[in-house]
Amino acid sequence: KQGVPATHEFKFTNTGTVPLIITNVQASCGCTTPDWSRDPILPGGRGFIKATYSAASVGNFNKTVTVTANVEGGTVQLMIKGEVLTPAQPQ
């Protein structure tokens, strides 16, 4: 709903053989705030990347969150999309 922040949490497991180190997470705009696992994630360990969208404007949205880490290619892009609805009017 409009005016109610929406959060999605991406959970993952490090399937590699070395600790996964996320050095930065950058949202495509200021309306999305990221949070992430700050400590190295050991092989077999679990981590998260969380994106909170402000939901200020009514309509569809498509946002990108770029994760910089010690992975092949150096970055991974996550996508969040949805629709912000007008709050119900009191009757």
PDB file of N, CA and C in Angstrom:
ATOM      1  N   LYS A   1       0.834  -1.185   0.000  1.00  0.00           N
ATOM      2  CA  LYS A   1       0.000   0.000   0.000  1.00  0.00           C
ATOM      3  C   LYS A   1       0.880   1.250   0.000  1.00  0.00           C
ATOM      4  N   GLN A   2       0.365   2.302  -0.594  1.00  0.00           N
ATOM      5  CA  GLN A   2       1.094   3.558  -0.650  1.00  0.00           C
ATOM      6  C   GLN A   2       1.413   4.049   0.756  1.00  0.00           C
ATOM      7  N   GLY A   3       2.640   4.520   0.943  1.00  0.00           N
ATOM      8  CA  GLY A   3       3.056   5.053   2.234  1.00  0.00           C
ATOM      9  C   GLY A   3       3.510   4.007   3.234  1.00  0.00           C
ATOM     10  N   VAL A   4       3.429   2.732   2.877  1.00  0.00           N
ATOM     11  CA  VAL A   4       3.859   1.647   3.763  1.00  0.00           C
ATOM     12  C   VAL A   4       5.090   0.989   3.146  1.00  0.00           C
ATOM     13  N   PRO A   5       6.272   1.141   3.764  1.00  0.00           N
ATOM     14  CA  PRO A   5       7.475   0.533   3.201  1.00  0.00           C
ATOM     15  C   PRO A   5       7.317  -0.985   3.057  1.00  0.00           C
ATOM     16  N   ALA A   6       7.846  -1.504   1.955  1.00  0.00           N
ATOM     17  CA  ALA A   6       7.809  -2.950   1.697  1.00  0.00           C
ATOM     18  C   ALA A   6       9.246  -3.472   1.687  1.00  0.00           C
ATOM     19  N   THR A   7       9.466  -4.594   2.369  1.00  0.00           N
ATOM     20  CA  THR A   7      10.810  -5.174   2.461  1.00  0.00           C
ATOM     21  C   THR A   7      10.796  -6.586   1.897  1.00  0.00           C
ATOM     22  N   HIS A   8      11.858  -6.886   1.138  1.00  0.00           N
ATOM     23  CA  HIS A   8      12.060  -8.262   0.677  1.00  0.00           C
ATOM     24  C   HIS A   8      13.458  -8.679   1.096  1.00  0.00           C
ATOM     25  N   GLU A   9      13.568  -9.893   1.606  1.00  0.00           N
ATOM     26  CA  GLU A   9      14.861 -10.411   2.028  1.00  0.00           C
ATOM     27  C   GLU A   9      15.265 -11.569   1.111  1.00  0.00           C
ATOM     28  N   PHE A  10      16.405 -11.399   0.464  1.00  0.00           N
ATOM     29  CA  PHE A  10      16.996 -12.460  -0.352  1.00  0.00           C
ATOM     30  C   PHE A  10      17.913 -13.252   0.569  1.00  0.00           C
ATOM     31  N   LYS A  11      17.633 -14.547   0.752  1.00  0.00           N
ATOM     32  CA  LYS A  11      18.469 -15.410   1.587  1.00  0.00           C
ATOM     33  C   LYS A  11      19.260 -16.324   0.663  1.00  0.00           C
ATOM     34  N   PHE A  12      20.506 -16.588   1.034  1.00  0.00           N
ATOM     35  CA  PHE A  12      21.346 -17.425   0.173  1.00  0.00           C
ATOM     36  C   PHE A  12      22.316 -18.237   1.024  1.00  0.00           C
ATOM     37  N   THR A  13      22.877 -19.275   0.391  1.00  0.00           N
ATOM     38  CA  THR A  13      23.893 -20.119   1.005  1.00  0.00           C
ATOM     39  C   THR A  13      25.166 -20.006   0.179  1.00  0.00           C
ATOM     40  N   ASN A  14      26.297 -19.850   0.829  1.00  0.00           N
ATOM     41  CA  ASN A  14      27.581 -19.815   0.132  1.00  0.00           C
ATOM     42  C   ASN A  14      27.928 -21.238  -0.284  1.00  0.00           C
ATOM     43  N   THR A  15      27.810 -21.522  -1.575  1.00  0.00           N
ATOM     44  CA  THR A  15      28.114 -22.853  -2.101  1.00  0.00           C
ATOM     45  C   THR A  15      29.548 -22.935  -2.622  1.00  0.00           C
ATOM     46  N   GLY A  16      30.313 -21.863  -2.430  1.00  0.00           N
ATOM     47  CA  GLY A  16      31.706 -21.843  -2.879  1.00  0.00           C
ATOM     48  C   GLY A  16      32.634 -22.513  -1.885  1.00  0.00           C
ATOM     49  N   THR A  17      33.932 -22.393  -2.162  1.00  0.00           N
ATOM     50  CA  THR A  17      34.945 -23.028  -1.322  1.00  0.00           C
ATOM     51  C   THR A  17      35.733 -22.019  -0.494  1.00  0.00           C
ATOM     52  N   VAL A  18      35.422 -20.730  -0.657  1.00  0.00           N
ATOM     53  CA  VAL A  18      36.090 -19.673   0.108  1.00  0.00           C
ATOM     54  C   VAL A  18      35.021 -18.795   0.761  1.00  0.00           C
ATOM     55  N   PRO A  19      35.380 -18.068   1.813  1.00  0.00           N
ATOM     56  CA  PRO A  19      34.398 -17.163   2.416  1.00  0.00           C
ATOM     57  C   PRO A  19      33.894 -16.135   1.404  1.00  0.00           C
ATOM     58  N   LEU A  20      32.591 -15.879   1.417  1.00  0.00           N
ATOM     59  CA  LEU A  20      31.968 -14.874   0.554  1.00  0.00           C
ATOM     60  C   LEU A  20      31.999 -13.545   1.296  1.00  0.00           C
ATOM     61  N   ILE A  21      32.557 -12.535   0.647  1.00  0.00           N
ATOM     62  CA  ILE A  21      32.663 -11.215   1.255  1.00  0.00           C
ATOM     63  C   ILE A  21      31.899 -10.221   0.397  1.00  0.00           C
ATOM     64  N   ILE A  22      30.818  -9.682   0.942  1.00  0.00           N
ATOM     65  CA  ILE A  22      30.028  -8.660   0.253  1.00  0.00           C
ATOM     66  C   ILE A  22      30.603  -7.310   0.668  1.00  0.00           C
ATOM     67  N   THR A  23      31.136  -6.569  -0.309  1.00  0.00           N
ATOM     68  CA  THR A  23      31.778  -5.294   0.011  1.00  0.00           C
ATOM     69  C   THR A  23      30.839  -4.108  -0.136  1.00  0.00           C
ATOM     70  N   ASN A  24      29.780  -4.253  -0.932  1.00  0.00           N
ATOM     71  CA  ASN A  24      28.835  -3.146  -1.094  1.00  0.00           C
ATOM     72  C   ASN A  24      27.530  -3.658  -1.688  1.00  0.00           C
ATOM     73  N   VAL A  25      26.449  -2.975  -1.350  1.00  0.00           N
ATOM     74  CA  VAL A  25      25.140  -3.229  -1.954  1.00  0.00           C
ATOM     75  C   VAL A  25      24.566  -1.857  -2.281  1.00  0.00           C
ATOM     76  N   GLN A  26      24.251  -1.632  -3.563  1.00  0.00           N
ATOM     77  CA  GLN A  26      23.801  -0.323  -4.032  1.00  0.00           C
ATOM     78  C   GLN A  26      22.445  -0.448  -4.711  1.00  0.00           C
ATOM     79  N   ALA A  27      21.474   0.335  -4.256  1.00  0.00           N
ATOM     80  CA  ALA A  27      20.148   0.355  -4.875  1.00  0.00           C
ATOM     81  C   ALA A  27      20.163   1.301  -6.070  1.00  0.00           C
ATOM     82  N   SER A  28      19.247   1.077  -7.016  1.00  0.00           N
ATOM     83  CA  SER A  28      19.194   1.879  -8.234  1.00  0.00           C
ATOM     84  C   SER A  28      18.629   3.272  -7.999  1.00  0.00           C
ATOM     85  N   CYS A  29      18.010   3.512  -6.844  1.00  0.00           N
ATOM     86  CA  CYS A  29      17.471   4.840  -6.541  1.00  0.00           C
ATOM     87  C   CYS A  29      17.424   5.044  -5.038  1.00  0.00           C
ATOM     88  N   GLY A  30      17.170   6.275  -4.629  1.00  0.00           N
ATOM     89  CA  GLY A  30      17.123   6.597  -3.209  1.00  0.00           C
ATOM     90  C   GLY A  30      15.882   6.099  -2.501  1.00  0.00           C
ATOM     91  N   CYS A  31      14.906   5.587  -3.247  1.00  0.00           N
ATOM     92  CA  CYS A  31      13.665   5.098  -2.640  1.00  0.00           C
ATOM     93  C   CYS A  31      13.807   3.673  -2.117  1.00  0.00           C
ATOM     94  N   THR A  32      14.962   3.051  -2.364  1.00  0.00           N
ATOM     95  CA  THR A  32      15.214   1.681  -1.922  1.00  0.00           C
ATOM     96  C   THR A  32      16.439   1.677  -1.015  1.00  0.00           C
ATOM     97  N   THR A  33      16.292   1.102   0.168  1.00  0.00           N
ATOM     98  CA  THR A  33      17.383   1.065   1.142  1.00  0.00           C
ATOM     99  C   THR A  33      17.833  -0.380   1.329  1.00  0.00           C
ATOM    100  N   PRO A  34      19.131  -0.664   1.072  1.00  0.00           N
ATOM    101  CA  PRO A  34      19.619  -2.029   1.250  1.00  0.00           C
ATOM    102  C   PRO A  34      20.247  -2.268   2.622  1.00  0.00           C
ATOM    103  N   ASP A  35      20.266  -3.532   3.022  1.00  0.00           N
ATOM    104  CA  ASP A  35      20.986  -4.002   4.195  1.00  0.00           C
ATOM    105  C   ASP A  35      21.502  -5.384   3.815  1.00  0.00           C
ATOM    106  N   TRP A  36      22.604  -5.835   4.437  1.00  0.00           N
ATOM    107  CA  TRP A  36      23.165  -7.121   4.033  1.00  0.00           C
ATOM    108  C   TRP A  36      24.050  -7.701   5.125  1.00  0.00           C
ATOM    109  N   SER A  37      24.420  -8.959   4.944  1.00  0.00           N
ATOM    110  CA  SER A  37      25.342  -9.651   5.848  1.00  0.00           C
ATOM    111  C   SER A  37      26.705  -8.976   5.728  1.00  0.00           C
ATOM    112  N   ARG A  38      27.184  -8.403   6.815  1.00  0.00           N
ATOM    113  CA  ARG A  38      28.445  -7.635   6.786  1.00  0.00           C
ATOM    114  C   ARG A  38      29.668  -8.511   7.044  1.00  0.00           C
ATOM    115  N   ASP A  39      29.499  -9.602   7.774  1.00  0.00           N
ATOM    116  CA  ASP A  39      30.621 -10.480   8.077  1.00  0.00           C
ATOM    117  C   ASP A  39      30.823 -11.469   6.927  1.00  0.00           C
ATOM    118  N   PRO A  40      32.077 -11.950   6.726  1.00  0.00           N
ATOM    119  CA  PRO A  40      32.300 -12.979   5.706  1.00  0.00           C
ATOM    120  C   PRO A  40      31.406 -14.195   5.964  1.00  0.00           C
ATOM    121  N   ILE A  41      30.887 -14.756   4.874  1.00  0.00           N
ATOM    122  CA  ILE A  41      30.008 -15.921   4.968  1.00  0.00           C
ATOM    123  C   ILE A  41      30.830 -17.143   4.576  1.00  0.00           C
ATOM    124  N   LEU A  42      31.078 -18.010   5.535  1.00  0.00           N
ATOM    125  CA  LEU A  42      31.907 -19.185   5.304  1.00  0.00           C
ATOM    126  C   LEU A  42      31.228 -20.148   4.343  1.00  0.00           C
ATOM    127  N   PRO A  43      32.001 -21.015   3.660  1.00  0.00           N
ATOM    128  CA  PRO A  43      31.389 -22.021   2.790  1.00  0.00           C
ATOM    129  C   PRO A  43      30.341 -22.823   3.551  1.00  0.00           C
ATOM    130  N   GLY A  44      29.160 -22.940   2.970  1.00  0.00           N
ATOM    131  CA  GLY A  44      28.042 -23.631   3.610  1.00  0.00           C
ATOM    132  C   GLY A  44      27.224 -22.727   4.510  1.00  0.00           C
ATOM    133  N   GLY A  45      27.734 -21.522   4.774  1.00  0.00           N
ATOM    134  CA  GLY A  45      27.028 -20.579   5.635  1.00  0.00           C
ATOM    135  C   GLY A  45      25.928 -19.839   4.882  1.00  0.00           C
ATOM    136  N   ARG A  46      25.039 -19.212   5.657  1.00  0.00           N
ATOM    137  CA  ARG A  46      23.907 -18.487   5.063  1.00  0.00           C
ATOM    138  C   ARG A  46      24.065 -16.996   5.294  1.00  0.00           C
ATOM    139  N   GLY A  47      23.557 -16.226   4.334  1.00  0.00           N
ATOM    140  CA  GLY A  47      23.578 -14.777   4.442  1.00  0.00           C
ATOM    141  C   GLY A  47      22.295 -14.197   3.892  1.00  0.00           C
ATOM    142  N   PHE A  48      22.213 -12.851   3.892  1.00  0.00           N
ATOM    143  CA  PHE A  48      21.006 -12.201   3.406  1.00  0.00           C
ATOM    144  C   PHE A  48      21.341 -10.868   2.749  1.00  0.00           C
ATOM    145  N   ILE A  49      20.469 -10.446   1.882  1.00  0.00           N
ATOM    146  CA  ILE A  49      20.442  -9.093   1.350  1.00  0.00           C
ATOM    147  C   ILE A  49      18.996  -8.656   1.441  1.00  0.00           C
ATOM    148  N   LYS A  50      18.777  -7.519   2.097  1.00  0.00           N
ATOM    149  CA  LYS A  50      17.433  -7.026   2.332  1.00  0.00           C
ATOM    150  C   LYS A  50      17.272  -5.709   1.579  1.00  0.00           C
ATOM    151  N   ALA A  51      16.134  -5.531   0.916  1.00  0.00           N
ATOM    152  CA  ALA A  51      15.831  -4.283   0.216  1.00  0.00           C
ATOM    153  C   ALA A  51      14.480  -3.769   0.703  1.00  0.00           C
ATOM    154  N   THR A  52      14.458  -2.515   1.158  1.00  0.00           N
ATOM    155  CA  THR A  52      13.219  -1.886   1.618  1.00  0.00           C
ATOM    156  C   THR A  52      12.870  -0.760   0.657  1.00  0.00           C
ATOM    157  N   TYR A  53      11.676  -0.843   0.066  1.00  0.00           N
ATOM    158  CA  TYR A  53      11.190   0.139  -0.900  1.00  0.00           C
ATOM    159  C   TYR A  53      10.214   1.065  -0.188  1.00  0.00           C
ATOM    160  N   SER A  54      10.338   2.380  -0.404  1.00  0.00           N
ATOM    161  CA  SER A  54       9.539   3.351   0.343  1.00  0.00           C
ATOM    162  C   SER A  54       8.056   3.368  -0.034  1.00  0.00           C
ATOM    163  N   ALA A  55       7.689   2.927  -1.224  1.00  0.00           N
ATOM    164  CA  ALA A  55       6.291   2.837  -1.678  1.00  0.00           C
ATOM    165  C   ALA A  55       5.557   4.172  -1.584  1.00  0.00           C
ATOM    166  N   ALA A  56       6.217   5.251  -1.987  1.00  0.00           N
ATOM    167  CA  ALA A  56       5.610   6.579  -1.913  1.00  0.00           C
ATOM    168  C   ALA A  56       4.661   6.855  -3.079  1.00  0.00           C
ATOM    169  N   SER A  57       4.974   6.329  -4.266  1.00  0.00           N
ATOM    170  CA  SER A  57       4.173   6.614  -5.463  1.00  0.00           C
ATOM    171  C   SER A  57       3.349   5.409  -5.879  1.00  0.00           C
ATOM    172  N   VAL A  58       2.093   5.648  -6.245  1.00  0.00           N
ATOM    173  CA  VAL A  58       1.191   4.582  -6.696  1.00  0.00           C
ATOM    174  C   VAL A  58       1.627   4.113  -8.083  1.00  0.00           C
ATOM    175  N   GLY A  59       1.551   2.809  -8.319  1.00  0.00           N
ATOM    176  CA  GLY A  59       1.842   2.234  -9.632  1.00  0.00           C
ATOM    177  C   GLY A  59       2.880   1.139  -9.547  1.00  0.00           C
ATOM    178  N   ASN A  60       3.234   0.604 -10.715  1.00  0.00           N
ATOM    179  CA  ASN A  60       4.217  -0.474 -10.808  1.00  0.00           C
ATOM    180  C   ASN A  60       5.616   0.077 -10.572  1.00  0.00           C
ATOM    181  N   PHE A  61       6.477  -0.763 -10.011  1.00  0.00           N
ATOM    182  CA  PHE A  61       7.877  -0.380  -9.861  1.00  0.00           C
ATOM    183  C   PHE A  61       8.777  -1.563 -10.190  1.00  0.00           C
ATOM    184  N   ASN A  62       9.973  -1.248 -10.664  1.00  0.00           N
ATOM    185  CA  ASN A  62      11.027  -2.193 -11.004  1.00  0.00           C
ATOM    186  C   ASN A  62      12.317  -1.596 -10.489  1.00  0.00           C
ATOM    187  N   LYS A  63      12.967  -2.200  -9.520  1.00  0.00           N
ATOM    188  CA  LYS A  63      14.186  -1.662  -8.938  1.00  0.00           C
ATOM    189  C   LYS A  63      15.295  -2.702  -9.003  1.00  0.00           C
ATOM    190  N   THR A  64      16.517  -2.206  -9.132  1.00  0.00           N
ATOM    191  CA  THR A  64      17.698  -3.062  -9.191  1.00  0.00           C
ATOM    192  C   THR A  64      18.552  -2.816  -7.958  1.00  0.00           C
ATOM    193  N   VAL A  65      19.079  -3.889  -7.401  1.00  0.00           N
ATOM    194  CA  VAL A  65      20.025  -3.818  -6.290  1.00  0.00           C
ATOM    195  C   VAL A  65      21.293  -4.523  -6.773  1.00  0.00           C
ATOM    196  N   THR A  66      22.405  -3.788  -6.817  1.00  0.00           N
ATOM    197  CA  THR A  66      23.675  -4.340  -7.290  1.00  0.00           C
ATOM    198  C   THR A  66      24.530  -4.732  -6.098  1.00  0.00           C
ATOM    199  N   VAL A  67      24.938  -5.994  -6.081  1.00  0.00           N
ATOM    200  CA  VAL A  67      25.744  -6.553  -4.993  1.00  0.00           C
ATOM    201  C   VAL A  67      27.178  -6.696  -5.491  1.00  0.00           C
ATOM    202  N   THR A  68      28.117  -6.095  -4.780  1.00  0.00           N
ATOM    203  CA  THR A  68      29.536  -6.221  -5.102  1.00  0.00           C
ATOM    204  C   THR A  68      30.152  -7.178  -4.091  1.00  0.00           C
ATOM    205  N   ALA A  69      30.789  -8.230  -4.613  1.00  0.00           N
ATOM    206  CA  ALA A  69      31.349  -9.266  -3.732  1.00  0.00           C
ATOM    207  C   ALA A  69      32.495  -9.972  -4.452  1.00  0.00           C
ATOM    208  N   ASN A  70      33.165 -10.851  -3.742  1.00  0.00           N
ATOM    209  CA  ASN A  70      34.256 -11.623  -4.326  1.00  0.00           C
ATOM    210  C   ASN A  70      33.690 -12.830  -5.085  1.00  0.00           C
ATOM    211  N   VAL A  71      32.903 -12.530  -6.120  1.00  0.00           N
ATOM    212  CA  VAL A  71      32.304 -13.549  -6.984  1.00  0.00           C
ATOM    213  C   VAL A  71      32.811 -13.345  -8.404  1.00  0.00           C
ATOM    214  N   GLU A  72      32.637 -14.352  -9.235  1.00  0.00           N
ATOM    215  CA  GLU A  72      33.026 -14.240 -10.632  1.00  0.00           C
ATOM    216  C   GLU A  72      32.295 -13.048 -11.264  1.00  0.00           C
ATOM    217  N   GLY A  73      33.042 -12.165 -11.890  1.00  0.00           N
ATOM    218  CA  GLY A  73      32.453 -10.969 -12.486  1.00  0.00           C
ATOM    219  C   GLY A  73      32.378  -9.801 -11.519  1.00  0.00           C
ATOM    220  N   GLY A  74      32.476 -10.044 -10.216  1.00  0.00           N
ATOM    221  CA  GLY A  74      32.532  -8.990  -9.221  1.00  0.00           C
ATOM    222  C   GLY A  74      31.200  -8.443  -8.740  1.00  0.00           C
ATOM    223  N   THR A  75      30.125  -8.588  -9.554  1.00  0.00           N
ATOM    224  CA  THR A  75      28.821  -8.074  -9.133  1.00  0.00           C
ATOM    225  C   THR A  75      27.709  -9.037  -9.529  1.00  0.00           C
ATOM    226  N   VAL A  76      26.614  -8.913  -8.801  1.00  0.00           N
ATOM    227  CA  VAL A  76      25.377  -9.643  -9.094  1.00  0.00           C
ATOM    228  C   VAL A  76      24.249  -8.630  -8.969  1.00  0.00           C
ATOM    229  N   GLN A  77      23.285  -8.669  -9.893  1.00  0.00           N
ATOM    230  CA  GLN A  77      22.143  -7.767  -9.808  1.00  0.00           C
ATOM    231  C   GLN A  77      20.904  -8.530  -9.365  1.00  0.00           C
ATOM    232  N   LEU A  78      20.233  -7.968  -8.378  1.00  0.00           N
ATOM    233  CA  LEU A  78      18.959  -8.499  -7.902  1.00  0.00           C
ATOM    234  C   LEU A  78      17.868  -7.547  -8.359  1.00  0.00           C
ATOM    235  N   MET A  79      16.705  -8.079  -8.676  1.00  0.00           N
ATOM    236  CA  MET A  79      15.581  -7.259  -9.122  1.00  0.00           C
ATOM    237  C   MET A  79      14.429  -7.402  -8.132  1.00  0.00           C
ATOM    238  N   ILE A  80      13.812  -6.265  -7.834  1.00  0.00           N
ATOM    239  CA  ILE A  80      12.557  -6.302  -7.081  1.00  0.00           C
ATOM    240  C   ILE A  80      11.531  -5.553  -7.907  1.00  0.00           C
ATOM    241  N   LYS A  81      10.346  -6.106  -7.975  1.00  0.00           N
ATOM    242  CA  LYS A  81       9.285  -5.435  -8.712  1.00  0.00           C
ATOM    243  C   LYS A  81       7.967  -5.684  -8.014  1.00  0.00           C
ATOM    244  N   GLY A  82       7.046  -4.777  -8.223  1.00  0.00           N
ATOM    245  CA  GLY A  82       5.749  -4.908  -7.582  1.00  0.00           C
ATOM    246  C   GLY A  82       4.837  -3.781  -8.000  1.00  0.00           C
ATOM    247  N   GLU A  83       3.759  -3.636  -7.272  1.00  0.00           N
ATOM    248  CA  GLU A  83       2.791  -2.582  -7.553  1.00  0.00           C
ATOM    249  C   GLU A  83       2.384  -1.940  -6.231  1.00  0.00           C
ATOM    250  N   VAL A  84       2.482  -0.623  -6.183  1.00  0.00           N
ATOM    251  CA  VAL A  84       2.044   0.133  -5.011  1.00  0.00           C
ATOM    252  C   VAL A  84       0.585   0.510  -5.236  1.00  0.00           C
ATOM    253  N   LEU A  85      -0.262   0.148  -4.267  1.00  0.00           N
ATOM    254  CA  LEU A  85      -1.704   0.402  -4.367  1.00  0.00           C
ATOM    255  C   LEU A  85      -2.091   1.583  -3.498  1.00  0.00           C
ATOM    256  N   THR A  86      -3.142   2.282  -3.931  1.00  0.00           N
ATOM    257  CA  THR A  86      -3.705   3.378  -3.136  1.00  0.00           C
ATOM    258  C   THR A  86      -4.306   2.800  -1.872  1.00  0.00           C
ATOM    259  N   PRO A  87      -4.046   3.434  -0.717  1.00  0.00           N
ATOM    260  CA  PRO A  87      -4.650   2.920   0.509  1.00  0.00           C
ATOM    261  C   PRO A  87      -6.184   2.971   0.424  1.00  0.00           C
ATOM    262  N   ALA A  88      -6.831   2.051   1.072  1.00  0.00           N
ATOM    263  CA  ALA A  88      -8.304   2.024   1.067  1.00  0.00           C
ATOM    264  C   ALA A  88      -8.833   3.300   1.709  1.00  0.00           C
ATOM    265  N   GLN A  89      -9.882   3.854   1.119  1.00  0.00           N
ATOM    266  CA  GLN A  89     -10.497   5.067   1.642  1.00  0.00           C
ATOM    267  C   GLN A  89     -11.476   4.693   2.761  1.00  0.00           C
ATOM    268  N   PRO A  90     -11.482   5.459   3.861  1.00  0.00           N
ATOM    269  CA  PRO A  90     -12.455   5.162   4.932  1.00  0.00           C
ATOM    270  C   PRO A  90     -13.879   5.388   4.433  1.00  0.00           C
ATOM    271  N   GLN A  91     -14.806   4.574   4.900  1.00  0.00           N
ATOM    272  CA  GLN A  91     -16.186   4.675   4.441  1.00  0.00           C
ATOM    273  C   GLN A  91     -17.067   5.354   5.455  1.00  0.00           C
TER     274      GLN A  91
END
